């Protein structure tokens, strides 16, 4: 299949009715290079602390699937989400 759209914002990813619909979407959609660069988590410092977080296995599977679609490590994507939310919470 030919690529017929370029995704510039994660918010533009639709909700899919099925895995088949999601697969068809990603077969014809490519990620904008700016979106990929903006998705890379860059920590404020070089130090990090390991934590344990209990999570529903189905939720984790969904997160991992999203991360694979975005060509990201799922742990990095979670850290990015947390950093974005922390920024929003402290800004408001």
N, C-alpha and C. Protein backbone atom coordinates (compact mmCIF):
# COMPACT_ATOMS: atom_id res chain seq x y z
N UNK A 1 0.84 -1.19 0.00
CA UNK A 1 0.00 0.00 0.00
C UNK A 1 0.88 1.25 0.00
N UNK A 2 0.39 2.27 -0.62
CA UNK A 2 1.13 3.53 -0.69
C UNK A 2 0.85 4.38 0.54
N UNK A 3 1.86 5.13 0.94
CA UNK A 3 1.71 6.07 2.05
C UNK A 3 0.94 7.28 1.52
N UNK A 4 -0.19 7.59 2.16
CA UNK A 4 -0.98 8.72 1.66
C UNK A 4 -1.17 9.83 2.69
N UNK A 5 -0.58 9.68 3.87
CA UNK A 5 -0.68 10.77 4.85
C UNK A 5 0.54 10.75 5.75
N UNK A 6 0.85 11.92 6.27
CA UNK A 6 1.97 12.08 7.20
C UNK A 6 1.40 12.59 8.51
N UNK A 7 1.71 11.90 9.58
CA UNK A 7 1.19 12.25 10.90
C UNK A 7 2.11 13.27 11.54
N UNK A 8 1.57 14.45 11.87
CA UNK A 8 2.38 15.52 12.45
C UNK A 8 2.12 15.71 13.94
N UNK A 9 1.00 15.18 14.46
CA UNK A 9 0.67 15.32 15.89
C UNK A 9 0.09 14.01 16.40
N UNK A 10 0.54 13.56 17.56
CA UNK A 10 0.01 12.32 18.14
C UNK A 10 -1.49 12.42 18.38
N UNK A 11 -1.98 13.64 18.65
CA UNK A 11 -3.40 13.84 18.92
C UNK A 11 -4.26 13.50 17.71
N UNK A 12 -3.67 13.45 16.52
CA UNK A 12 -4.42 13.18 15.30
C UNK A 12 -4.60 11.68 15.03
N UNK A 13 -4.00 10.83 15.87
CA UNK A 13 -4.20 9.39 15.69
C UNK A 13 -5.63 9.07 16.12
N UNK A 14 -6.42 8.47 15.23
CA UNK A 14 -7.81 8.20 15.57
C UNK A 14 -7.96 7.02 16.52
N UNK A 15 -9.16 6.86 17.05
CA UNK A 15 -9.50 5.68 17.84
C UNK A 15 -9.94 4.61 16.84
N UNK A 16 -9.41 3.42 16.99
CA UNK A 16 -9.67 2.36 16.01
C UNK A 16 -10.72 1.40 16.53
N UNK A 17 -11.59 0.94 15.63
CA UNK A 17 -12.65 0.00 15.99
C UNK A 17 -12.10 -1.41 16.11
N UNK A 18 -10.96 -1.68 15.48
CA UNK A 18 -10.40 -3.03 15.51
C UNK A 18 -8.90 -2.96 15.22
N UNK A 19 -8.23 -4.06 15.49
CA UNK A 19 -6.80 -4.12 15.17
C UNK A 19 -6.58 -4.05 13.66
N UNK A 20 -7.51 -4.62 12.89
CA UNK A 20 -7.39 -4.57 11.43
C UNK A 20 -7.47 -3.13 10.94
N UNK A 21 -8.37 -2.35 11.50
CA UNK A 21 -8.49 -0.93 11.12
C UNK A 21 -7.23 -0.17 11.49
N UNK A 22 -6.68 -0.47 12.65
CA UNK A 22 -5.44 0.19 13.08
C UNK A 22 -4.30 -0.18 12.15
N UNK A 23 -4.21 -1.45 11.78
CA UNK A 23 -3.15 -1.90 10.87
C UNK A 23 -3.27 -1.18 9.52
N UNK A 24 -4.49 -1.07 8.98
CA UNK A 24 -4.68 -0.38 7.70
C UNK A 24 -4.25 1.08 7.80
N UNK A 25 -4.56 1.72 8.92
CA UNK A 25 -4.17 3.12 9.12
C UNK A 25 -2.66 3.27 9.07
N UNK A 26 -1.93 2.43 9.83
CA UNK A 26 -0.48 2.57 9.90
C UNK A 26 0.22 2.11 8.63
N UNK A 27 -0.46 1.29 7.82
CA UNK A 27 0.12 0.90 6.53
C UNK A 27 0.14 2.06 5.55
N UNK A 28 -0.73 3.05 5.75
CA UNK A 28 -0.83 4.18 4.82
C UNK A 28 -0.44 5.51 5.47
N UNK A 29 0.14 5.46 6.66
CA UNK A 29 0.51 6.67 7.38
C UNK A 29 1.98 6.61 7.78
N UNK A 30 2.69 7.69 7.57
CA UNK A 30 4.07 7.75 8.04
C UNK A 30 4.20 8.88 9.05
N UNK A 31 5.17 8.76 9.92
CA UNK A 31 5.38 9.76 10.96
C UNK A 31 6.25 10.89 10.44
N UNK A 32 5.86 12.10 10.75
CA UNK A 32 6.66 13.27 10.42
C UNK A 32 7.95 13.20 11.23
N UNK A 33 9.08 13.57 10.62
CA UNK A 33 10.36 13.48 11.32
C UNK A 33 10.40 14.37 12.56
N UNK A 34 9.72 15.50 12.52
CA UNK A 34 9.66 16.38 13.69
C UNK A 34 8.94 15.74 14.85
N UNK A 35 7.93 14.93 14.53
CA UNK A 35 7.18 14.23 15.57
C UNK A 35 8.06 13.19 16.25
N UNK A 36 8.84 12.50 15.47
CA UNK A 36 9.75 11.49 16.04
C UNK A 36 10.78 12.16 16.93
N UNK A 37 11.38 13.25 16.47
CA UNK A 37 12.38 13.96 17.26
C UNK A 37 11.78 14.50 18.55
N UNK A 38 10.56 15.02 18.47
CA UNK A 38 9.89 15.55 19.65
C UNK A 38 9.48 14.49 20.64
N UNK A 39 9.44 13.24 20.19
CA UNK A 39 9.03 12.15 21.06
C UNK A 39 10.18 11.57 21.86
N UNK A 40 11.38 11.94 21.53
CA UNK A 40 12.52 11.39 22.25
C UNK A 40 12.63 12.05 23.61
N UNK A 41 12.64 11.23 24.64
CA UNK A 41 12.72 11.74 26.01
C UNK A 41 14.14 12.16 26.30
N UNK A 42 14.30 13.37 26.76
CA UNK A 42 15.61 13.86 27.18
C UNK A 42 15.51 14.25 28.65
N UNK A 43 16.13 13.49 29.52
CA UNK A 43 16.04 13.77 30.95
C UNK A 43 16.71 15.08 31.32
N UNK A 44 16.25 15.67 32.41
CA UNK A 44 16.83 16.93 32.87
C UNK A 44 18.25 16.74 33.38
N UNK A 45 18.53 15.60 33.92
CA UNK A 45 19.87 15.29 34.41
C UNK A 45 20.26 13.91 33.94
N UNK A 46 21.49 13.54 34.17
CA UNK A 46 21.92 12.23 33.71
C UNK A 46 21.60 11.13 34.71
N UNK A 47 21.21 11.51 35.92
CA UNK A 47 20.88 10.51 36.93
C UNK A 47 19.44 10.04 36.76
N UNK A 48 19.21 8.81 37.12
CA UNK A 48 17.84 8.30 37.15
C UNK A 48 17.72 7.32 38.31
N UNK A 49 16.48 7.15 38.76
CA UNK A 49 16.19 6.25 39.86
C UNK A 49 15.26 5.17 39.36
N UNK A 50 15.55 3.94 39.69
CA UNK A 50 14.69 2.83 39.31
C UNK A 50 13.54 2.72 40.28
N UNK A 51 12.32 2.57 39.74
CA UNK A 51 11.15 2.38 40.58
C UNK A 51 10.40 1.15 40.11
N UNK A 52 9.52 0.65 40.95
CA UNK A 52 8.61 -0.43 40.56
C UNK A 52 7.21 0.14 40.52
N UNK A 53 6.47 -0.24 39.53
CA UNK A 53 5.12 0.25 39.36
C UNK A 53 4.22 -0.91 38.98
N UNK A 54 3.23 -1.20 39.79
CA UNK A 54 2.30 -2.28 39.47
C UNK A 54 1.27 -1.75 38.49
N UNK A 55 1.01 -2.54 37.44
CA UNK A 55 0.13 -2.10 36.38
C UNK A 55 -0.69 -3.27 35.87
N UNK A 56 -1.90 -3.00 35.50
CA UNK A 56 -2.76 -4.02 34.90
C UNK A 56 -2.07 -4.55 33.64
N UNK A 57 -1.95 -5.85 33.48
CA UNK A 57 -1.24 -6.40 32.31
C UNK A 57 -1.85 -5.98 30.98
N UNK A 58 -3.17 -5.81 30.94
CA UNK A 58 -3.81 -5.38 29.69
C UNK A 58 -3.43 -3.95 29.35
N UNK A 59 -3.33 -3.10 30.38
CA UNK A 59 -2.92 -1.71 30.14
C UNK A 59 -1.48 -1.68 29.63
N UNK A 60 -0.62 -2.47 30.25
CA UNK A 60 0.77 -2.51 29.83
C UNK A 60 0.89 -3.01 28.39
N UNK A 61 0.10 -4.00 28.03
CA UNK A 61 0.12 -4.51 26.66
C UNK A 61 -0.30 -3.42 25.67
N UNK A 62 -1.29 -2.62 26.03
CA UNK A 62 -1.73 -1.52 25.17
C UNK A 62 -0.64 -0.47 25.03
N UNK A 63 0.02 -0.16 26.15
CA UNK A 63 1.12 0.82 26.12
C UNK A 63 2.24 0.32 25.23
N UNK A 64 2.61 -0.94 25.38
CA UNK A 64 3.68 -1.50 24.56
C UNK A 64 3.32 -1.47 23.08
N UNK A 65 2.05 -1.75 22.76
CA UNK A 65 1.61 -1.72 21.37
C UNK A 65 1.72 -0.30 20.80
N UNK A 66 1.27 0.69 21.58
CA UNK A 66 1.39 2.08 21.14
C UNK A 66 2.85 2.47 20.92
N UNK A 67 3.69 2.07 21.84
CA UNK A 67 5.12 2.40 21.72
C UNK A 67 5.73 1.78 20.47
N UNK A 68 5.40 0.53 20.18
CA UNK A 68 5.91 -0.12 18.97
C UNK A 68 5.47 0.63 17.72
N UNK A 69 4.21 1.06 17.71
CA UNK A 69 3.70 1.80 16.55
C UNK A 69 4.44 3.10 16.35
N UNK A 70 4.93 3.68 17.44
CA UNK A 70 5.63 4.96 17.38
C UNK A 70 7.15 4.80 17.34
N UNK A 71 7.59 3.54 17.24
CA UNK A 71 9.02 3.23 17.19
C UNK A 71 9.75 3.75 18.43
N UNK A 72 9.12 3.59 19.59
CA UNK A 72 9.70 4.03 20.85
C UNK A 72 9.82 2.86 21.80
N UNK A 73 10.72 2.97 22.74
CA UNK A 73 10.78 2.06 23.86
C UNK A 73 9.61 2.41 24.78
N UNK A 74 8.87 1.40 25.24
CA UNK A 74 7.67 1.71 26.03
C UNK A 74 7.99 2.44 27.33
N UNK A 75 9.12 2.13 27.96
CA UNK A 75 9.48 2.82 29.20
C UNK A 75 9.81 4.28 28.92
N UNK A 76 10.48 4.55 27.81
CA UNK A 76 10.77 5.94 27.44
C UNK A 76 9.49 6.69 27.14
N UNK A 77 8.54 6.03 26.50
CA UNK A 77 7.27 6.68 26.20
C UNK A 77 6.52 7.03 27.48
N UNK A 78 6.52 6.12 28.44
CA UNK A 78 5.87 6.39 29.73
C UNK A 78 6.55 7.58 30.41
N UNK A 79 7.89 7.61 30.40
CA UNK A 79 8.60 8.74 31.00
C UNK A 79 8.26 10.04 30.30
N UNK A 80 8.13 9.99 28.98
CA UNK A 80 7.76 11.18 28.22
C UNK A 80 6.37 11.65 28.64
N UNK A 81 5.42 10.73 28.73
CA UNK A 81 4.06 11.09 29.15
C UNK A 81 4.07 11.72 30.54
N UNK A 82 4.83 11.13 31.45
CA UNK A 82 4.90 11.69 32.80
C UNK A 82 5.52 13.08 32.80
N UNK A 83 6.58 13.25 32.02
CA UNK A 83 7.23 14.56 31.95
C UNK A 83 6.28 15.61 31.38
N UNK A 84 5.54 15.24 30.33
CA UNK A 84 4.58 16.18 29.73
C UNK A 84 3.48 16.54 30.72
N UNK A 85 2.96 15.55 31.44
CA UNK A 85 1.89 15.81 32.40
C UNK A 85 2.41 16.64 33.56
N UNK A 86 3.60 16.34 34.04
CA UNK A 86 4.20 17.12 35.13
C UNK A 86 4.36 18.58 34.71
N UNK A 87 4.82 18.79 33.49
CA UNK A 87 4.98 20.15 32.97
C UNK A 87 3.63 20.86 32.93
N UNK A 88 2.61 20.18 32.46
CA UNK A 88 1.29 20.78 32.39
C UNK A 88 0.72 21.08 33.77
N UNK A 89 0.90 20.17 34.71
CA UNK A 89 0.39 20.36 36.08
C UNK A 89 1.09 21.51 36.78
N UNK A 90 2.39 21.62 36.59
CA UNK A 90 3.13 22.69 37.27
C UNK A 90 2.93 24.04 36.60
N UNK A 91 2.56 24.04 35.34
CA UNK A 91 2.33 25.28 34.60
C UNK A 91 0.96 25.87 34.96
N UNK A 92 -0.04 25.03 35.20
CA UNK A 92 -1.41 25.49 35.49
C UNK A 92 -1.62 25.94 36.90
